[in-house]
């Protein structure tokens, strides 16, 4: 499942129950709040994808769901894979 930014309401009309939700970082919402939005929508986990300038940077955060940080390049690969299923 893909989500552009994980902002509150961005998953309103999408069934993400139990799904891993792809969230792009660097938007107007914190990494932790993105997870809270996913959890509130019923999602099971988040993939937090860096913006290009963040490269391979990862953070240790107390996430509310299982979460993994992906580099910008890895995020592009996931997007490409998802769009070509």
N, C-alpha and C. Protein backbone atom coordinates (compact mmCIF):
# COMPACT_ATOMS: atom_id res chain seq x y z
N UNK A 1 0.85 -1.17 0.00
CA UNK A 1 0.00 0.00 0.00
C UNK A 1 0.90 1.23 0.00
N UNK A 2 0.53 2.23 -0.75
CA UNK A 2 1.32 3.45 -0.81
C UNK A 2 0.56 4.62 -0.22
N UNK A 3 1.26 5.47 0.46
CA UNK A 3 0.72 6.73 0.95
C UNK A 3 1.72 7.80 0.61
N UNK A 4 1.26 8.89 0.06
CA UNK A 4 2.21 9.92 -0.34
C UNK A 4 2.94 10.55 0.83
N UNK A 5 2.22 10.86 1.90
CA UNK A 5 2.90 11.60 2.95
C UNK A 5 2.54 11.20 4.37
N UNK A 6 1.52 10.43 4.57
CA UNK A 6 1.16 10.02 5.92
C UNK A 6 0.50 11.12 6.73
N UNK A 7 0.11 12.23 6.10
CA UNK A 7 -0.58 13.29 6.83
C UNK A 7 -1.92 12.80 7.33
N UNK A 8 -2.37 13.41 8.42
CA UNK A 8 -3.67 13.08 8.97
C UNK A 8 -4.73 13.22 7.89
N UNK A 9 -5.50 12.19 7.67
CA UNK A 9 -6.53 12.20 6.65
C UNK A 9 -6.10 11.64 5.31
N UNK A 10 -4.79 11.43 5.11
CA UNK A 10 -4.32 10.94 3.81
C UNK A 10 -4.72 9.49 3.56
N UNK A 11 -5.09 8.77 4.61
CA UNK A 11 -5.50 7.37 4.46
C UNK A 11 -7.00 7.20 4.69
N UNK A 12 -7.71 8.30 4.73
CA UNK A 12 -9.13 8.32 5.08
C UNK A 12 -9.97 7.33 4.27
N UNK A 13 -9.80 7.30 2.99
CA UNK A 13 -10.63 6.45 2.13
C UNK A 13 -9.89 5.24 1.59
N UNK A 14 -8.82 4.84 2.27
CA UNK A 14 -8.02 3.69 1.83
C UNK A 14 -8.03 2.63 2.91
N UNK A 15 -8.31 1.39 2.54
CA UNK A 15 -8.30 0.29 3.50
C UNK A 15 -6.87 -0.19 3.69
N UNK A 16 -6.27 0.17 4.82
CA UNK A 16 -4.90 -0.25 5.12
C UNK A 16 -4.84 -1.22 6.29
N UNK A 17 -5.99 -1.76 6.67
CA UNK A 17 -6.04 -2.64 7.84
C UNK A 17 -5.01 -3.76 7.73
N UNK A 18 -4.07 -3.78 8.68
CA UNK A 18 -3.04 -4.81 8.73
C UNK A 18 -1.95 -4.67 7.69
N UNK A 19 -2.00 -3.64 6.87
CA UNK A 19 -1.03 -3.47 5.78
C UNK A 19 0.22 -2.71 6.23
N UNK A 20 1.29 -2.90 5.47
CA UNK A 20 2.50 -2.10 5.62
C UNK A 20 2.30 -0.86 4.74
N UNK A 21 2.41 0.32 5.32
CA UNK A 21 2.13 1.55 4.60
C UNK A 21 3.44 2.29 4.32
N UNK A 22 3.63 2.66 3.08
CA UNK A 22 4.81 3.35 2.56
C UNK A 22 4.61 4.85 2.77
N UNK A 23 5.46 5.47 3.57
CA UNK A 23 5.33 6.90 3.86
C UNK A 23 6.61 7.63 3.47
N UNK A 24 6.47 8.68 2.69
CA UNK A 24 7.63 9.49 2.34
C UNK A 24 7.90 10.49 3.45
N UNK A 25 9.14 10.56 3.87
CA UNK A 25 9.52 11.48 4.93
C UNK A 25 9.71 12.89 4.39
N UNK A 26 9.89 13.82 5.31
CA UNK A 26 10.20 15.19 4.92
C UNK A 26 8.99 16.02 4.57
N UNK A 27 7.82 15.50 4.86
CA UNK A 27 6.61 16.26 4.58
C UNK A 27 6.32 17.14 5.80
N UNK A 28 5.12 17.58 5.93
CA UNK A 28 4.76 18.49 7.03
C UNK A 28 4.33 17.73 8.28
N UNK A 29 4.81 16.51 8.45
CA UNK A 29 4.42 15.70 9.59
C UNK A 29 5.66 14.91 10.04
N UNK A 30 5.79 14.72 11.34
CA UNK A 30 6.96 14.03 11.86
C UNK A 30 6.91 12.53 11.57
N UNK A 31 8.05 11.89 11.69
CA UNK A 31 8.13 10.44 11.49
C UNK A 31 7.18 9.72 12.44
N UNK A 32 7.18 10.15 13.69
CA UNK A 32 6.33 9.49 14.69
C UNK A 32 4.85 9.72 14.42
N UNK A 33 4.51 10.94 14.01
CA UNK A 33 3.11 11.22 13.71
C UNK A 33 2.64 10.46 12.48
N UNK A 34 3.52 10.21 11.52
CA UNK A 34 3.13 9.40 10.37
C UNK A 34 2.69 8.02 10.85
N UNK A 35 3.44 7.44 11.77
CA UNK A 35 3.07 6.14 12.31
C UNK A 35 1.74 6.18 13.05
N UNK A 36 1.49 7.26 13.76
CA UNK A 36 0.22 7.40 14.48
C UNK A 36 -0.95 7.46 13.50
N UNK A 37 -0.76 8.15 12.38
CA UNK A 37 -1.81 8.22 11.36
C UNK A 37 -2.07 6.83 10.77
N UNK A 38 -1.00 6.11 10.49
CA UNK A 38 -1.13 4.75 9.94
C UNK A 38 -1.84 3.85 10.95
N UNK A 39 -1.44 3.94 12.21
CA UNK A 39 -2.07 3.12 13.26
C UNK A 39 -3.56 3.45 13.39
N UNK A 40 -3.89 4.73 13.39
CA UNK A 40 -5.29 5.15 13.52
C UNK A 40 -6.14 4.63 12.36
N UNK A 41 -5.51 4.47 11.19
CA UNK A 41 -6.22 3.96 10.01
C UNK A 41 -6.27 2.43 9.99
N UNK A 42 -5.62 1.79 10.98
CA UNK A 42 -5.64 0.33 11.05
C UNK A 42 -4.43 -0.35 10.43
N UNK A 43 -3.47 0.43 9.96
CA UNK A 43 -2.28 -0.14 9.35
C UNK A 43 -1.46 -0.94 10.35
N UNK A 44 -0.66 -1.87 9.82
CA UNK A 44 0.11 -2.75 10.67
C UNK A 44 1.56 -2.34 10.85
N UNK A 45 2.11 -1.56 9.93
CA UNK A 45 3.51 -1.16 9.99
C UNK A 45 3.75 -0.02 9.00
N UNK A 46 4.90 0.63 9.13
CA UNK A 46 5.25 1.70 8.20
C UNK A 46 6.64 1.49 7.61
N UNK A 47 6.77 1.88 6.36
CA UNK A 47 8.07 2.02 5.71
C UNK A 47 8.27 3.51 5.52
N UNK A 48 9.25 4.06 6.20
CA UNK A 48 9.53 5.50 6.13
C UNK A 48 10.68 5.71 5.15
N UNK A 49 10.38 6.40 4.06
CA UNK A 49 11.34 6.56 2.98
C UNK A 49 11.96 7.95 3.02
N UNK A 50 13.28 7.99 3.00
CA UNK A 50 14.01 9.25 3.02
C UNK A 50 13.76 10.06 1.76
N UNK A 51 13.92 11.37 1.90
CA UNK A 51 14.01 12.26 0.76
C UNK A 51 15.42 12.12 0.18
N UNK A 52 15.63 12.54 -1.03
CA UNK A 52 16.92 12.35 -1.70
C UNK A 52 18.09 12.92 -0.89
N UNK A 53 17.93 14.11 -0.33
CA UNK A 53 19.02 14.74 0.40
C UNK A 53 19.38 14.02 1.70
N UNK A 54 18.51 13.15 2.20
CA UNK A 54 18.79 12.41 3.44
C UNK A 54 19.58 11.14 3.20
N UNK A 55 19.65 10.71 1.95
CA UNK A 55 20.45 9.54 1.59
C UNK A 55 20.13 8.31 2.41
N UNK A 56 21.14 7.78 3.11
CA UNK A 56 21.01 6.55 3.87
C UNK A 56 20.84 6.79 5.38
N UNK A 57 20.50 8.01 5.76
CA UNK A 57 20.34 8.35 7.17
C UNK A 57 19.18 7.57 7.79
N UNK A 58 19.41 7.03 8.98
CA UNK A 58 18.33 6.38 9.73
C UNK A 58 18.30 6.96 11.13
N UNK A 59 17.17 6.82 11.78
CA UNK A 59 16.97 7.38 13.11
C UNK A 59 16.44 6.31 14.05
N UNK A 60 16.72 6.48 15.31
CA UNK A 60 16.12 5.60 16.32
C UNK A 60 14.99 6.37 16.96
N UNK A 61 13.79 5.95 16.68
CA UNK A 61 12.59 6.60 17.20
C UNK A 61 11.72 5.58 17.91
N UNK A 62 10.96 6.01 18.90
CA UNK A 62 10.02 5.10 19.57
C UNK A 62 8.70 5.02 18.78
N UNK A 63 8.70 4.26 17.72
CA UNK A 63 7.53 4.16 16.85
C UNK A 63 6.36 3.46 17.54
N UNK A 64 5.16 3.79 17.11
CA UNK A 64 3.95 3.19 17.67
C UNK A 64 3.57 1.90 16.95
N UNK A 65 4.20 1.64 15.83
CA UNK A 65 4.01 0.42 15.03
C UNK A 65 5.39 -0.07 14.60
N UNK A 66 5.50 -1.32 14.18
CA UNK A 66 6.76 -1.73 13.56
C UNK A 66 7.07 -0.79 12.39
N UNK A 67 8.31 -0.35 12.30
CA UNK A 67 8.69 0.61 11.27
C UNK A 67 10.10 0.33 10.79
N UNK A 68 10.34 0.67 9.54
CA UNK A 68 11.67 0.55 8.97
C UNK A 68 11.95 1.79 8.13
N UNK A 69 13.18 2.27 8.21
CA UNK A 69 13.60 3.42 7.40
C UNK A 69 14.26 2.89 6.13
N UNK A 70 13.92 3.50 5.01
CA UNK A 70 14.53 3.14 3.73
C UNK A 70 15.25 4.34 3.14
N UNK A 71 16.34 4.07 2.45
CA UNK A 71 17.03 5.14 1.74
C UNK A 71 16.15 5.64 0.59
N UNK A 72 16.49 6.78 0.07
CA UNK A 72 15.76 7.33 -1.06
C UNK A 72 15.79 6.36 -2.25
N UNK A 73 16.98 5.81 -2.53
CA UNK A 73 17.13 4.88 -3.66
C UNK A 73 16.27 3.63 -3.46
N UNK A 74 16.28 3.09 -2.25
CA UNK A 74 15.46 1.90 -1.97
C UNK A 74 13.98 2.24 -2.11
N UNK A 75 13.60 3.43 -1.68
CA UNK A 75 12.21 3.86 -1.82
C UNK A 75 11.77 3.93 -3.27
N UNK A 76 12.66 4.43 -4.13
CA UNK A 76 12.35 4.46 -5.56
C UNK A 76 12.15 3.05 -6.10
N UNK A 77 12.97 2.11 -5.64
CA UNK A 77 12.82 0.72 -6.08
C UNK A 77 11.49 0.13 -5.63
N UNK A 78 11.07 0.43 -4.41
CA UNK A 78 9.79 -0.07 -3.91
C UNK A 78 8.65 0.53 -4.73
N UNK A 79 8.71 1.83 -5.00
CA UNK A 79 7.68 2.47 -5.82
C UNK A 79 7.60 1.84 -7.20
N UNK A 80 8.76 1.63 -7.82
CA UNK A 80 8.81 1.03 -9.15
C UNK A 80 8.19 -0.37 -9.12
N UNK A 81 8.57 -1.15 -8.14
CA UNK A 81 8.03 -2.51 -8.00
C UNK A 81 6.52 -2.48 -7.84
N UNK A 82 6.04 -1.64 -6.94
CA UNK A 82 4.60 -1.57 -6.66
C UNK A 82 3.81 -1.15 -7.89
N UNK A 83 4.32 -0.20 -8.64
CA UNK A 83 3.61 0.29 -9.82
C UNK A 83 3.67 -0.68 -11.00
N UNK A 84 4.54 -1.67 -10.92
CA UNK A 84 4.68 -2.62 -12.02
C UNK A 84 4.15 -4.00 -11.68
N UNK A 85 3.37 -4.11 -10.62
CA UNK A 85 2.77 -5.42 -10.27
C UNK A 85 1.69 -5.79 -11.25
